[in-house]
Amino acid sequence: MISLQQMRYLLILSEERQFLKASERCFVTQPTLSMQVKKAEEQLGYAIFDRSSNPLALTPYGEEVLPIIREILEENQKLKAINDRLEGKLKEEIRIGIIPTVSVYMISALFDRLSALLPQVRVVFLEHRTEELLSEMEHGALDLALLAGPYQQPKFRTIPLFTEEIELYGDLGEEKAVDVLALDGHQPWLLNKGNCLRTQIINFCKLQDQPGFAWDYQGGNLDLLITMVNQNGGYTLLPSNFRSPLERTGYRKKIHSAYGRPAREIIAVFSQRSYKVQHLEKMVREIQHTFTTKEKGPFCLLDWK
């Protein structure tokens, strides 16, 4: 049977699909990596990689065996972590991936709470867009993902955390609420492509059906969008839990539509088989307690895609 080291080489090569990049990640020379991969394939009896493809592609056998190799390495890492912890060599680390439009208010609210709740755990927050988060979860690089749903995958456990209303920010009159149809013709200020809140704004406000604006600016953070609205008019949409000192009085408003007020469901995703499950469940309960939904619907839940 192939060694754990050979398994790691195979896994990294399957992710990079290039011998040079994979050898750099493995801290070995390219010929060494190539020799070890070839040796592993000979021991297994079948080729894992189709070398005629550029970049490398998995063979049908490789498609079947790589998930098993990944699982073996994950289980071995769990054993090592348990042993290290019991021997006092390791302070357990939990890596939490979080989308930018949630991290902007959640990390500051949770950091001290989680530190007090789990003093023996080192919490690491990593900010990624949704697609990146899900990819990192698939590859075992994250213990917990916090994102906007819906999302279901059999190998992961998905837990609803709270429902968050999406509100309008803009100088659109004195009323405390506006109808979504009244936004037609006003300049929307959007986040960059790939951000789920941008997608939700475009879909809910049906911006794809509107003619192009004379100048379409795409900001990279919520404070910048608020500044652009303050300086140039128009509107943007903000999560209800986010507050900024840049906001002007009377600019934050509810949005009404025939389908209810726009909202998103924030969810937690983690592996069904994680040995850190007790810690993860404690974190989830703390988030639910901290961000209990106060507003009542009816809500129109938006998809992140």
Protein backbone atom coordinates (compact mmCIF):
# COMPACT_ATOMS: atom_id res chain seq x y z
CA MET A 1 0.00 0.00 0.00
CA ILE A 2 1.18 3.53 -0.70
CA SER A 3 2.50 5.69 2.14
CA LEU A 4 0.80 8.70 3.70
CA GLN A 5 3.48 10.91 2.15
CA GLN A 6 2.67 9.56 -1.31
CA MET A 7 -1.01 10.18 -0.61
CA ARG A 8 -0.23 13.81 0.20
CA TYR A 9 1.70 14.14 -3.06
CA LEU A 10 -1.21 12.69 -5.03
CA LEU A 11 -3.72 14.96 -3.32
CA ILE A 12 -1.71 18.14 -3.86
CA LEU A 13 -1.03 17.24 -7.50
CA SER A 14 -4.75 16.65 -8.03
CA GLU A 15 -5.40 20.20 -6.75
CA GLU A 16 -2.63 21.95 -8.71
CA ARG A 17 -2.80 19.82 -11.89
CA GLN A 18 0.82 20.85 -12.64
CA PHE A 19 3.97 19.08 -11.43
CA LEU A 20 5.94 22.30 -10.95
CA LYS A 21 3.36 24.05 -8.75
CA ALA A 22 2.65 20.84 -6.84
CA SER A 23 6.37 20.23 -6.17
CA GLU A 24 6.69 23.75 -4.75
CA ARG A 25 3.81 23.08 -2.35
CA CYS A 26 5.34 19.72 -1.38
CA PHE A 27 8.81 21.28 -0.86
CA VAL A 28 10.45 18.70 -3.13
CA THR A 29 11.97 18.89 -6.59
CA GLN A 30 9.81 18.23 -9.62
CA PRO A 31 11.67 14.98 -10.53
CA THR A 32 11.23 13.71 -6.95
CA LEU A 33 7.50 14.40 -7.02
CA SER A 34 7.14 12.79 -10.46
CA MET A 35 9.02 9.69 -9.29
CA GLN A 36 6.91 9.33 -6.12
CA VAL A 37 3.63 9.76 -8.01
CA LYS A 38 4.71 7.20 -10.60
CA LYS A 39 5.75 4.79 -7.84
CA ALA A 40 2.39 5.23 -6.09
CA GLU A 41 0.51 4.53 -9.33
CA GLU A 42 2.57 1.38 -9.88
CA GLN A 43 1.81 0.18 -6.34
CA LEU A 44 -1.91 0.84 -6.82
CA GLY A 45 -1.88 -0.85 -10.22
CA TYR A 46 -3.62 1.95 -12.13
CA ALA A 47 -2.77 5.44 -13.40
CA ILE A 48 -4.34 8.28 -11.42
CA PHE A 49 -3.36 11.10 -13.79
CA ASP A 50 -3.78 11.46 -17.53
CA ARG A 51 -0.44 13.00 -18.50
CA SER A 52 -1.52 13.63 -22.10
CA SER A 53 -3.80 16.39 -20.82
CA ASN A 54 -2.59 19.92 -20.07
CA PRO A 55 -3.26 20.71 -17.30
CA LEU A 56 -3.23 17.21 -15.85
CA ALA A 57 -6.59 15.45 -15.69
CA LEU A 58 -7.71 12.62 -13.43
CA THR A 59 -8.31 9.23 -14.97
CA PRO A 60 -11.59 7.46 -14.16
CA TYR A 61 -9.63 5.49 -11.54
CA GLY A 62 -8.25 8.74 -10.14
CA GLU A 63 -11.74 10.18 -9.84
CA GLU A 64 -12.71 7.22 -7.66
CA VAL A 65 -9.60 6.91 -5.52
CA LEU A 66 -8.81 10.58 -4.73
CA PRO A 67 -11.84 11.07 -2.40
CA ILE A 68 -10.73 7.95 -0.48
CA ILE A 69 -7.16 9.27 -0.22
CA ARG A 70 -8.44 12.63 1.01
CA GLU A 71 -10.55 10.90 3.65
CA ILE A 72 -7.62 8.76 4.86
CA LEU A 73 -5.42 11.86 5.24
CA GLU A 74 -8.18 13.74 7.09
CA GLU A 75 -8.66 10.86 9.53
CA ASN A 76 -4.91 10.59 10.09
CA GLN A 77 -4.76 14.32 10.82
CA LYS A 78 -7.56 13.94 13.36
CA LEU A 79 -5.60 11.22 15.18
CA LYS A 80 -2.47 13.36 15.23
CA ALA A 81 -4.38 16.40 16.53
CA ILE A 82 -5.99 14.38 19.33
CA ASN A 83 -2.64 12.94 20.41
CA ASP A 84 -0.93 16.33 20.29
CA ARG A 85 -3.70 17.91 22.34
CA LEU A 86 -3.62 15.20 25.01
CA GLU A 87 0.16 15.50 25.24
CA GLY A 88 -0.09 19.27 25.66
CA LYS A 89 1.72 19.97 22.38
CA LEU A 90 -1.11 21.73 20.65
CA LYS A 91 -3.65 24.43 21.34
CA GLU A 92 -6.55 23.45 19.12
CA GLU A 93 -7.22 25.76 16.19
CA ILE A 94 -10.56 26.32 14.51
CA ARG A 95 -10.52 27.96 11.10
CA ILE A 96 -13.71 29.87 10.31
CA GLY A 97 -14.42 31.06 6.78
CA ILE A 98 -16.82 33.98 6.48
CA ILE A 99 -18.19 36.09 3.65
CA PRO A 100 -17.17 39.81 3.66
CA THR A 101 -20.67 41.25 4.16
CA VAL A 102 -21.06 39.20 7.34
CA SER A 103 -17.50 39.49 8.64
CA VAL A 104 -17.78 43.30 8.60
CA TYR A 105 -20.02 43.20 11.69
CA MET A 106 -19.80 39.65 13.06
CA ILE A 107 -16.09 39.24 13.83
CA SER A 108 -15.92 42.25 16.14
CA ALA A 109 -19.11 41.15 17.92
CA LEU A 110 -18.01 37.54 18.35
CA PHE A 111 -14.28 37.53 18.95
CA ASP A 112 -14.32 38.23 22.69
CA ARG A 113 -17.37 36.01 23.20
CA LEU A 114 -15.75 33.04 21.47
CA SER A 115 -12.46 33.59 23.31
CA ALA A 116 -14.31 33.45 26.64
CA LEU A 117 -16.47 30.50 25.55
CA LEU A 118 -13.52 28.39 24.33
CA PRO A 119 -10.35 29.68 26.01
CA GLN A 120 -8.40 26.57 24.99
CA VAL A 121 -9.11 27.16 21.30
CA ARG A 122 -7.35 29.49 18.87
CA VAL A 123 -9.97 30.95 16.52
CA VAL A 124 -8.82 32.01 13.06
CA PHE A 125 -11.19 33.98 10.79
CA LEU A 126 -10.63 33.85 7.03
CA GLU A 127 -12.63 36.12 4.73
CA HIS A 128 -13.67 34.65 1.39
CA ARG A 129 -16.46 34.93 -1.15
CA THR A 130 -19.08 32.19 -1.14
CA GLU A 131 -17.67 30.10 -3.99
CA GLU A 132 -14.21 30.20 -2.41
CA LEU A 133 -15.62 29.21 0.99
CA LEU A 134 -17.36 26.17 -0.42
CA SER A 135 -14.22 25.13 -2.29
CA GLU A 136 -12.13 25.49 0.89
CA MET A 137 -14.67 23.38 2.79
CA GLU A 138 -14.50 20.67 0.12
CA HIS A 139 -10.72 20.52 0.47
CA GLY A 140 -10.80 20.45 4.27
CA ALA A 141 -9.07 23.82 4.67
CA LEU A 142 -11.86 25.21 6.90
CA ASP A 143 -13.61 23.84 9.97
CA LEU A 144 -16.65 26.12 9.74
CA ALA A 145 -18.15 28.32 7.03
CA LEU A 146 -20.49 31.25 7.72
CA LEU A 147 -22.36 32.39 4.62
CA ALA A 148 -25.71 33.27 3.11
CA GLY A 149 -27.86 30.28 2.17
CA PRO A 150 -29.43 28.27 0.89
CA TYR A 151 -26.84 25.49 0.71
CA GLN A 152 -27.18 21.74 1.17
CA GLN A 153 -24.58 19.04 0.67
CA PRO A 154 -24.85 15.52 2.14
CA LYS A 155 -21.31 15.43 3.57
CA PHE A 156 -21.83 18.74 5.42
CA ARG A 157 -24.14 19.74 8.21
CA THR A 158 -26.01 23.00 7.57
CA ILE A 159 -27.52 24.96 10.47
CA PRO A 160 -29.61 28.16 10.07
CA LEU A 161 -28.21 30.94 12.26
CA PHE A 162 -30.50 33.92 11.74
CA THR A 163 -32.54 35.75 9.15
CA GLU A 164 -31.16 39.16 8.23
CA GLU A 165 -33.22 41.82 6.50
CA ILE A 166 -31.65 43.68 3.59
CA GLU A 167 -32.33 47.42 3.82
CA LEU A 168 -31.99 50.33 1.44
CA TYR A 169 -29.57 53.19 2.01
CA GLY A 170 -30.20 56.34 -0.02
CA ASP A 171 -31.83 59.78 -0.17
CA LEU A 172 -35.17 58.72 -1.63
CA GLY A 173 -37.59 60.89 0.30
CA GLU A 174 -38.87 61.20 3.84
CA GLU A 175 -40.74 57.90 4.02
CA LYS A 176 -39.26 55.18 6.24
CA ALA A 177 -39.99 52.54 3.61
CA VAL A 178 -39.87 52.41 -0.18
CA ASP A 179 -41.38 50.10 -2.77
CA VAL A 180 -38.87 48.23 -4.89
CA LEU A 181 -40.55 49.61 -8.03
CA ALA A 182 -39.63 53.13 -6.91
CA LEU A 183 -35.92 52.30 -7.35
CA ASP A 184 -36.24 52.19 -11.13
CA GLY A 185 -34.05 54.89 -12.65
CA HIS A 186 -31.94 55.53 -9.55
CA GLN A 187 -28.22 54.74 -9.57
CA PRO A 188 -27.39 51.48 -7.71
CA TRP A 189 -23.95 51.23 -6.10
CA LEU A 190 -22.80 47.62 -6.13
CA LEU A 191 -20.13 45.42 -4.63
CA ASN A 192 -17.61 43.68 -6.88
CA LYS A 193 -18.57 40.68 -8.99
CA GLY A 194 -18.53 37.41 -7.10
CA ASN A 195 -20.02 38.93 -3.96
CA CYS A 196 -23.37 37.38 -3.09
CA LEU A 197 -24.88 40.67 -1.87
CA ARG A 198 -24.22 42.17 -5.32
CA THR A 199 -26.04 39.23 -6.93
CA GLN A 200 -28.95 39.62 -4.52
CA ILE A 201 -29.28 43.35 -5.32
CA ILE A 202 -29.26 42.71 -9.06
CA ASN A 203 -31.83 39.90 -8.85
CA PHE A 204 -34.20 41.49 -6.34
CA CYS A 205 -34.15 44.93 -7.98
CA LYS A 206 -34.21 43.36 -11.47
CA LEU A 207 -31.29 45.53 -12.58
CA GLN A 208 -30.50 43.20 -15.46
CA ASP A 209 -33.72 44.41 -17.08
CA GLN A 210 -32.74 48.07 -16.85
CA PRO A 211 -30.71 50.00 -19.45
CA GLY A 212 -27.07 50.73 -18.56
CA PHE A 213 -26.31 53.77 -16.45
CA ALA A 214 -24.01 56.50 -17.66
CA TRP A 215 -21.44 55.55 -15.03
CA ASP A 216 -21.52 52.20 -13.24
CA TYR A 217 -19.21 52.14 -10.24
CA GLN A 218 -18.63 48.85 -8.41
CA GLY A 219 -17.32 49.40 -4.88
CA GLY A 220 -15.38 46.88 -2.86
CA ASN A 221 -16.75 47.43 0.66
CA LEU A 222 -19.91 48.63 2.36
CA ASP A 223 -18.45 51.85 3.78
CA LEU A 224 -17.28 52.83 0.31
CA LEU A 225 -20.76 52.26 -1.10
CA ILE A 226 -22.23 54.49 1.63
CA THR A 227 -19.71 57.21 0.76
CA MET A 228 -20.64 56.98 -2.93
CA VAL A 229 -24.34 57.35 -2.09
CA ASN A 230 -23.59 60.33 0.18
CA GLN A 231 -21.56 62.06 -2.50
CA ASN A 232 -23.42 61.13 -5.67
CA GLY A 233 -26.97 60.11 -4.76
CA GLY A 234 -28.54 56.83 -5.79
CA TYR A 235 -28.82 53.93 -3.41
CA THR A 236 -27.26 50.72 -2.17
CA LEU A 237 -28.54 47.81 -0.08
CA LEU A 238 -27.09 46.98 3.33
CA PRO A 239 -27.48 44.09 5.80
CA SER A 240 -29.58 45.16 8.77
CA ASN A 241 -26.89 44.10 11.28
CA PHE A 242 -24.31 46.39 9.68
CA ARG A 243 -24.03 49.95 10.94
CA SER A 244 -21.54 52.61 9.87
CA PRO A 245 -20.66 56.03 11.33
CA LEU A 246 -20.79 57.32 7.74
CA GLU A 247 -24.56 56.81 7.48
CA ARG A 248 -26.75 59.91 7.27
CA THR A 249 -29.93 60.28 9.28
CA GLY A 250 -33.04 59.17 7.41
CA TYR A 251 -31.19 57.38 4.60
CA ARG A 252 -31.72 53.83 5.93
CA LYS A 253 -35.14 52.47 4.82
CA LYS A 254 -37.16 49.28 4.61
CA ILE A 255 -37.97 47.87 1.18
CA HIS A 256 -41.39 46.53 0.27
CA SER A 257 -42.32 44.29 -2.64
CA ALA A 258 -45.16 42.02 -3.65
CA TYR A 259 -43.11 39.10 -2.28
CA GLY A 260 -42.26 40.62 1.10
CA ARG A 261 -39.22 42.49 2.40
CA PRO A 262 -35.84 41.22 1.10
CA ALA A 263 -33.79 39.16 3.53
CA ARG A 264 -31.06 36.57 3.55
CA GLU A 265 -30.60 33.53 5.75
CA ILE A 266 -27.15 33.29 7.32
CA ILE A 267 -26.09 29.68 7.82
CA ALA A 268 -23.24 27.66 9.36
CA VAL A 269 -21.70 24.76 7.44
CA PHE A 270 -19.30 22.17 8.85
CA SER A 271 -18.29 18.58 8.25
CA GLN A 272 -20.53 15.85 9.63
CA ARG A 273 -17.41 13.93 10.67
CA SER A 274 -15.36 16.72 12.25
CA TYR A 275 -13.75 15.74 15.56
CA LYS A 276 -14.19 19.39 16.59
CA VAL A 277 -17.97 19.10 16.42
CA GLN A 278 -18.53 19.91 20.11
CA HIS A 279 -16.64 23.18 19.81
CA LEU A 280 -18.36 24.01 16.52
CA GLU A 281 -21.81 23.45 18.01
CA LYS A 282 -20.96 25.77 20.92
CA MET A 283 -19.90 28.45 18.44
CA VAL A 284 -23.07 28.03 16.42
CA ARG A 285 -25.25 28.42 19.52
CA GLU A 286 -23.34 31.56 20.53
CA ILE A 287 -23.87 33.10 17.08
CA GLN A 288 -27.58 32.26 17.19
CA HIS A 289 -27.88 33.84 20.64
CA THR A 290 -25.95 36.97 19.62
CA PHE A 291 -27.81 37.62 16.38
CA THR A 292 -31.36 36.58 17.18
CA THR A 293 -33.70 37.85 14.48
CA LYS A 294 -35.74 40.74 15.89
CA GLU A 295 -37.68 41.82 12.83
CA LYS A 296 -40.78 39.92 11.72
CA GLY A 297 -41.68 39.29 8.09
CA PRO A 298 -43.08 38.63 5.71
CA PHE A 299 -39.63 38.22 4.18
CA CYS A 300 -38.56 37.34 0.67
CA LEU A 301 -35.47 35.17 1.19
CA LEU A 302 -32.85 35.84 -1.46
CA ASP A 303 -30.59 33.23 -3.03
CA TRP A 304 -26.83 33.91 -2.94
CA LYS A 305 -26.32 32.67 -6.50
